[in-house]
Amino acid sequence: MRKLDQIVEEIKEQRPALYGFIIGIIENKIPKEEEERFLTLSQEERKQWIIDWTNMLEEQA
């Protein structure tokens, strides 16, 4: 479990947008339709989608 905690901390520090996205999915704060739409986006659109959702989740926190 320590290794998992270490990985989570590294993601949190080095990739905060990805961390926010993962937490949003885990806590069911991102609608399923949006998660599915994410899979259809280009790499550049995915980056913006993650930024947008991270910002919205931070505002709700």
PDB file of N, CA and C in Angstrom:
ATOM      1  N   MET A   1       0.821  -1.189   0.000  1.00  0.00           N
ATOM      2  CA  MET A   1       0.000   0.000   0.000  1.00  0.00           C
ATOM      3  C   MET A   1       0.869   1.259   0.000  1.00  0.00           C
ATOM      4  N   ARG A   2       2.039   1.174   0.609  1.00  0.00           N
ATOM      5  CA  ARG A   2       2.933   2.336   0.620  1.00  0.00           C
ATOM      6  C   ARG A   2       3.323   2.763  -0.782  1.00  0.00           C
ATOM      7  N   LYS A   3       3.566   1.780  -1.634  1.00  0.00           N
ATOM      8  CA  LYS A   3       3.950   2.067  -3.019  1.00  0.00           C
ATOM      9  C   LYS A   3       2.818   2.810  -3.728  1.00  0.00           C
ATOM     10  N   LEU A   4       1.585   2.381  -3.511  1.00  0.00           N
ATOM     11  CA  LEU A   4       0.429   3.040  -4.114  1.00  0.00           C
ATOM     12  C   LEU A   4       0.309   4.473  -3.606  1.00  0.00           C
ATOM     13  N   ASP A   5       0.487   4.660  -2.306  1.00  0.00           N
ATOM     14  CA  ASP A   5       0.444   6.010  -1.739  1.00  0.00           C
ATOM     15  C   ASP A   5       1.517   6.898  -2.358  1.00  0.00           C
ATOM     16  N   GLN A   6       2.692   6.334  -2.576  1.00  0.00           N
ATOM     17  CA  GLN A   6       3.793   7.081  -3.184  1.00  0.00           C
ATOM     18  C   GLN A   6       3.443   7.481  -4.616  1.00  0.00           C
ATOM     19  N   ILE A   7       2.862   6.554  -5.361  1.00  0.00           N
ATOM     20  CA  ILE A   7       2.464   6.849  -6.744  1.00  0.00           C
ATOM     21  C   ILE A   7       1.419   7.952  -6.767  1.00  0.00           C
ATOM     22  N   VAL A   8       0.438   7.858  -5.886  1.00  0.00           N
ATOM     23  CA  VAL A   8      -0.617   8.879  -5.821  1.00  0.00           C
ATOM     24  C   VAL A   8      -0.015  10.240  -5.498  1.00  0.00           C
ATOM     25  N   GLU A   9       0.897  10.295  -4.553  1.00  0.00           N
ATOM     26  CA  GLU A   9       1.537  11.567  -4.197  1.00  0.00           C
ATOM     27  C   GLU A   9       2.333  12.140  -5.363  1.00  0.00           C
ATOM     28  N   GLU A  10       3.030  11.276  -6.092  1.00  0.00           N
ATOM     29  CA  GLU A  10       3.793  11.741  -7.255  1.00  0.00           C
ATOM     30  C   GLU A  10       2.869  12.313  -8.323  1.00  0.00           C
ATOM     31  N   ILE A  11       1.754  11.642  -8.565  1.00  0.00           N
ATOM     32  CA  ILE A  11       0.785  12.158  -9.544  1.00  0.00           C
ATOM     33  C   ILE A  11       0.230  13.488  -9.058  1.00  0.00           C
ATOM     34  N   LYS A  12      -0.099  13.554  -7.792  1.00  0.00           N
ATOM     35  CA  LYS A  12      -0.669  14.783  -7.216  1.00  0.00           C
ATOM     36  C   LYS A  12       0.286  15.958  -7.386  1.00  0.00           C
ATOM     37  N   GLU A  13       1.572  15.726  -7.158  1.00  0.00           N
ATOM     38  CA  GLU A  13       2.571  16.790  -7.249  1.00  0.00           C
ATOM     39  C   GLU A  13       2.960  17.112  -8.687  1.00  0.00           C
ATOM     40  N   GLN A  14       3.147  16.083  -9.507  1.00  0.00           N
ATOM     41  CA  GLN A  14       3.688  16.288 -10.850  1.00  0.00           C
ATOM     42  C   GLN A  14       2.624  16.483 -11.920  1.00  0.00           C
ATOM     43  N   ARG A  15       1.437  15.957 -11.708  1.00  0.00           N
ATOM     44  CA  ARG A  15       0.363  16.038 -12.715  1.00  0.00           C
ATOM     45  C   ARG A  15      -0.951  16.387 -12.017  1.00  0.00           C
ATOM     46  N   PRO A  16      -1.065  17.591 -11.457  1.00  0.00           N
ATOM     47  CA  PRO A  16      -2.265  17.930 -10.687  1.00  0.00           C
ATOM     48  C   PRO A  16      -3.564  17.838 -11.484  1.00  0.00           C
ATOM     49  N   ALA A  17      -3.518  18.140 -12.777  1.00  0.00           N
ATOM     50  CA  ALA A  17      -4.740  18.042 -13.584  1.00  0.00           C
ATOM     51  C   ALA A  17      -5.195  16.586 -13.677  1.00  0.00           C
ATOM     52  N   LEU A  18      -4.258  15.689 -13.904  1.00  0.00           N
ATOM     53  CA  LEU A  18      -4.587  14.267 -13.971  1.00  0.00           C
ATOM     54  C   LEU A  18      -5.111  13.783 -12.623  1.00  0.00           C
ATOM     55  N   TYR A  19      -4.491  14.221 -11.556  1.00  0.00           N
ATOM     56  CA  TYR A  19      -4.929  13.845 -10.212  1.00  0.00           C
ATOM     57  C   TYR A  19      -6.372  14.300  -9.978  1.00  0.00           C
ATOM     58  N   GLY A  20      -6.667  15.549 -10.325  1.00  0.00           N
ATOM     59  CA  GLY A  20      -8.024  16.066 -10.156  1.00  0.00           C
ATOM     60  C   GLY A  20      -9.034  15.278 -10.971  1.00  0.00           C
ATOM     61  N   PHE A  21      -8.642  14.919 -12.180  1.00  0.00           N
ATOM     62  CA  PHE A  21      -9.505  14.128 -13.055  1.00  0.00           C
ATOM     63  C   PHE A  21      -9.795  12.762 -12.435  1.00  0.00           C
ATOM     64  N   ILE A  22      -8.771  12.105 -11.936  1.00  0.00           N
ATOM     65  CA  ILE A  22      -8.935  10.783 -11.327  1.00  0.00           C
ATOM     66  C   ILE A  22      -9.843  10.871 -10.108  1.00  0.00           C
ATOM     67  N   ILE A  23      -9.614  11.849  -9.263  1.00  0.00           N
ATOM     68  CA  ILE A  23     -10.447  12.015  -8.067  1.00  0.00           C
ATOM     69  C   ILE A  23     -11.890  12.297  -8.463  1.00  0.00           C
ATOM     70  N   GLY A  24     -12.078  13.118  -9.485  1.00  0.00           N
ATOM     71  CA  GLY A  24     -13.432  13.407  -9.963  1.00  0.00           C
ATOM     72  C   GLY A  24     -14.166  12.161 -10.401  1.00  0.00           C
ATOM     73  N   ILE A  25     -13.474  11.284 -11.092  1.00  0.00           N
ATOM     74  CA  ILE A  25     -14.091  10.029 -11.528  1.00  0.00           C
ATOM     75  C   ILE A  25     -14.391   9.143 -10.320  1.00  0.00           C
ATOM     76  N   ILE A  26     -13.432   9.017  -9.426  1.00  0.00           N
ATOM     77  CA  ILE A  26     -13.611   8.159  -8.255  1.00  0.00           C
ATOM     78  C   ILE A  26     -14.792   8.631  -7.412  1.00  0.00           C
ATOM     79  N   GLU A  27     -14.925   9.916  -7.244  1.00  0.00           N
ATOM     80  CA  GLU A  27     -15.998  10.465  -6.408  1.00  0.00           C
ATOM     81  C   GLU A  27     -17.287  10.684  -7.192  1.00  0.00           C
ATOM     82  N   ASN A  28     -17.328  10.206  -8.429  1.00  0.00           N
ATOM     83  CA  ASN A  28     -18.510  10.328  -9.287  1.00  0.00           C
ATOM     84  C   ASN A  28     -18.973  11.767  -9.457  1.00  0.00           C
ATOM     85  N   LYS A  29     -18.029  12.681  -9.516  1.00  0.00           N
ATOM     86  CA  LYS A  29     -18.368  14.085  -9.719  1.00  0.00           C
ATOM     87  C   LYS A  29     -18.413  14.442 -11.198  1.00  0.00           C
ATOM     88  N   ILE A  30     -17.863  13.584 -12.027  1.00  0.00           N
ATOM     89  CA  ILE A  30     -17.881  13.805 -13.471  1.00  0.00           C
ATOM     90  C   ILE A  30     -18.924  12.855 -14.054  1.00  0.00           C
ATOM     91  N   PRO A  31     -19.924  13.399 -14.742  1.00  0.00           N
ATOM     92  CA  PRO A  31     -20.974  12.536 -15.305  1.00  0.00           C
ATOM     93  C   PRO A  31     -20.401  11.489 -16.263  1.00  0.00           C
ATOM     94  N   LYS A  32     -21.021  10.338 -16.272  1.00  0.00           N
ATOM     95  CA  LYS A  32     -20.580   9.219 -17.117  1.00  0.00           C
ATOM     96  C   LYS A  32     -20.503   9.636 -18.587  1.00  0.00           C
ATOM     97  N   GLU A  33     -21.463  10.456 -19.033  1.00  0.00           N
ATOM     98  CA  GLU A  33     -21.464  10.904 -20.432  1.00  0.00           C
ATOM     99  C   GLU A  33     -20.193  11.695 -20.749  1.00  0.00           C
ATOM    100  N   GLU A  34     -19.745  12.489 -19.791  1.00  0.00           N
ATOM    101  CA  GLU A  34     -18.527  13.276 -19.995  1.00  0.00           C
ATOM    102  C   GLU A  34     -17.298  12.379 -20.041  1.00  0.00           C
ATOM    103  N   GLU A  35     -17.280  11.355 -19.195  1.00  0.00           N
ATOM    104  CA  GLU A  35     -16.165  10.407 -19.226  1.00  0.00           C
ATOM    105  C   GLU A  35     -16.101   9.726 -20.593  1.00  0.00           C
ATOM    106  N   GLU A  36     -17.264   9.355 -21.128  1.00  0.00           N
ATOM    107  CA  GLU A  36     -17.310   8.694 -22.435  1.00  0.00           C
ATOM    108  C   GLU A  36     -16.903   9.654 -23.544  1.00  0.00           C
ATOM    109  N   ARG A  37     -17.335  10.905 -23.442  1.00  0.00           N
ATOM    110  CA  ARG A  37     -16.969  11.907 -24.446  1.00  0.00           C
ATOM    111  C   ARG A  37     -15.457  12.121 -24.455  1.00  0.00           C
ATOM    112  N   PHE A  38     -14.848  12.096 -23.265  1.00  0.00           N
ATOM    113  CA  PHE A  38     -13.403  12.262 -23.132  1.00  0.00           C
ATOM    114  C   PHE A  38     -12.650  11.278 -24.026  1.00  0.00           C
ATOM    115  N   LEU A  39     -13.148  10.058 -24.099  1.00  0.00           N
ATOM    116  CA  LEU A  39     -12.476   9.012 -24.871  1.00  0.00           C
ATOM    117  C   LEU A  39     -12.494   9.275 -26.369  1.00  0.00           C
ATOM    118  N   THR A  40     -13.379  10.145 -26.830  1.00  0.00           N
ATOM    119  CA  THR A  40     -13.481  10.430 -28.262  1.00  0.00           C
ATOM    120  C   THR A  40     -12.666  11.654 -28.673  1.00  0.00           C
ATOM    121  N   LEU A  41     -12.073  12.350 -27.720  1.00  0.00           N
ATOM    122  CA  LEU A  41     -11.365  13.592 -28.013  1.00  0.00           C
ATOM    123  C   LEU A  41      -9.935  13.338 -28.477  1.00  0.00           C
ATOM    124  N   SER A  42      -9.394  14.310 -29.194  1.00  0.00           N
ATOM    125  CA  SER A  42      -7.984  14.254 -29.580  1.00  0.00           C
ATOM    126  C   SER A  42      -7.127  14.510 -28.341  1.00  0.00           C
ATOM    127  N   GLN A  43      -5.837  14.279 -28.454  1.00  0.00           N
ATOM    128  CA  GLN A  43      -4.947  14.472 -27.310  1.00  0.00           C
ATOM    129  C   GLN A  43      -4.991  15.913 -26.812  1.00  0.00           C
ATOM    130  N   GLU A  44      -4.997  16.859 -27.727  1.00  0.00           N
ATOM    131  CA  GLU A  44      -5.027  18.272 -27.345  1.00  0.00           C
ATOM    132  C   GLU A  44      -6.358  18.625 -26.684  1.00  0.00           C
ATOM    133  N   GLU A  45      -7.451  18.099 -27.232  1.00  0.00           N
ATOM    134  CA  GLU A  45      -8.770  18.347 -26.644  1.00  0.00           C
ATOM    135  C   GLU A  45      -8.883  17.702 -25.267  1.00  0.00           C
ATOM    136  N   ARG A  46      -8.246  16.546 -25.099  1.00  0.00           N
ATOM    137  CA  ARG A  46      -8.262  15.882 -23.789  1.00  0.00           C
ATOM    138  C   ARG A  46      -7.572  16.739 -22.740  1.00  0.00           C
ATOM    139  N   LYS A  47      -6.455  17.344 -23.103  1.00  0.00           N
ATOM    140  CA  LYS A  47      -5.745  18.215 -22.160  1.00  0.00           C
ATOM    141  C   LYS A  47      -6.653  19.346 -21.702  1.00  0.00           C
ATOM    142  N   GLN A  48      -7.334  19.970 -22.652  1.00  0.00           N
ATOM    143  CA  GLN A  48      -8.220  21.081 -22.306  1.00  0.00           C
ATOM    144  C   GLN A  48      -9.411  20.595 -21.490  1.00  0.00           C
ATOM    145  N   TRP A  49      -9.946  19.434 -21.831  1.00  0.00           N
ATOM    146  CA  TRP A  49     -11.071  18.858 -21.098  1.00  0.00           C
ATOM    147  C   TRP A  49     -10.679  18.624 -19.640  1.00  0.00           C
ATOM    148  N   ILE A  50      -9.486  18.066 -19.420  1.00  0.00           N
ATOM    149  CA  ILE A  50      -9.005  17.813 -18.060  1.00  0.00           C
ATOM    150  C   ILE A  50      -8.841  19.126 -17.305  1.00  0.00           C
ATOM    151  N   ILE A  51      -8.275  20.126 -17.953  1.00  0.00           N
ATOM    152  CA  ILE A  51      -8.101  21.435 -17.310  1.00  0.00           C
ATOM    153  C   ILE A  51      -9.457  22.013 -16.930  1.00  0.00           C
ATOM    154  N   ASP A  52     -10.402  21.979 -17.861  1.00  0.00           N
ATOM    155  CA  ASP A  52     -11.734  22.528 -17.594  1.00  0.00           C
ATOM    156  C   ASP A  52     -12.414  21.822 -16.431  1.00  0.00           C
ATOM    157  N   TRP A  53     -12.390  20.496 -16.441  1.00  0.00           N
ATOM    158  CA  TRP A  53     -13.042  19.750 -15.369  1.00  0.00           C
ATOM    159  C   TRP A  53     -12.312  19.920 -14.039  1.00  0.00           C
ATOM    160  N   THR A  54     -11.002  19.984 -14.068  1.00  0.00           N
ATOM    161  CA  THR A  54     -10.255  20.210 -12.831  1.00  0.00           C
ATOM    162  C   THR A  54     -10.642  21.549 -12.229  1.00  0.00           C
ATOM    163  N   ASN A  55     -10.738  22.573 -13.060  1.00  0.00           N
ATOM    164  CA  ASN A  55     -11.136  23.895 -12.575  1.00  0.00           C
ATOM    165  C   ASN A  55     -12.538  23.865 -11.984  1.00  0.00           C
ATOM    166  N   MET A  56     -13.465  23.191 -12.654  1.00  0.00           N
ATOM    167  CA  MET A  56     -14.838  23.114 -12.137  1.00  0.00           C
ATOM    168  C   MET A  56     -14.884  22.357 -10.812  1.00  0.00           C
ATOM    169  N   LEU A  57     -14.123  21.275 -10.702  1.00  0.00           N
ATOM    170  CA  LEU A  57     -14.113  20.504  -9.461  1.00  0.00           C
ATOM    171  C   LEU A  57     -13.479  21.295  -8.325  1.00  0.00           C
ATOM    172  N   GLU A  58     -12.447  22.080  -8.634  1.00  0.00           N
ATOM    173  CA  GLU A  58     -11.813  22.912  -7.609  1.00  0.00           C
ATOM    174  C   GLU A  58     -12.776  23.982  -7.117  1.00  0.00           C
ATOM    175  N   GLU A  59     -13.577  24.548  -8.015  1.00  0.00           N
ATOM    176  CA  GLU A  59     -14.556  25.561  -7.629  1.00  0.00           C
ATOM    177  C   GLU A  59     -15.620  24.972  -6.714  1.00  0.00           C
ATOM    178  N   GLN A  60     -15.983  23.717  -6.942  1.00  0.00           N
ATOM    179  CA  GLN A  60     -17.005  23.055  -6.133  1.00  0.00           C
ATOM    180  C   GLN A  60     -16.480  22.658  -4.761  1.00  0.00           C
ATOM    181  N   ALA A  61     -15.167  22.500  -4.646  1.00  0.00           N
ATOM    182  CA  ALA A  61     -14.570  22.022  -3.382  1.00  0.00           C
ATOM    183  C   ALA A  61     -14.612  23.086  -2.305  1.00  0.00           C
TER     184      ALA A  61
END
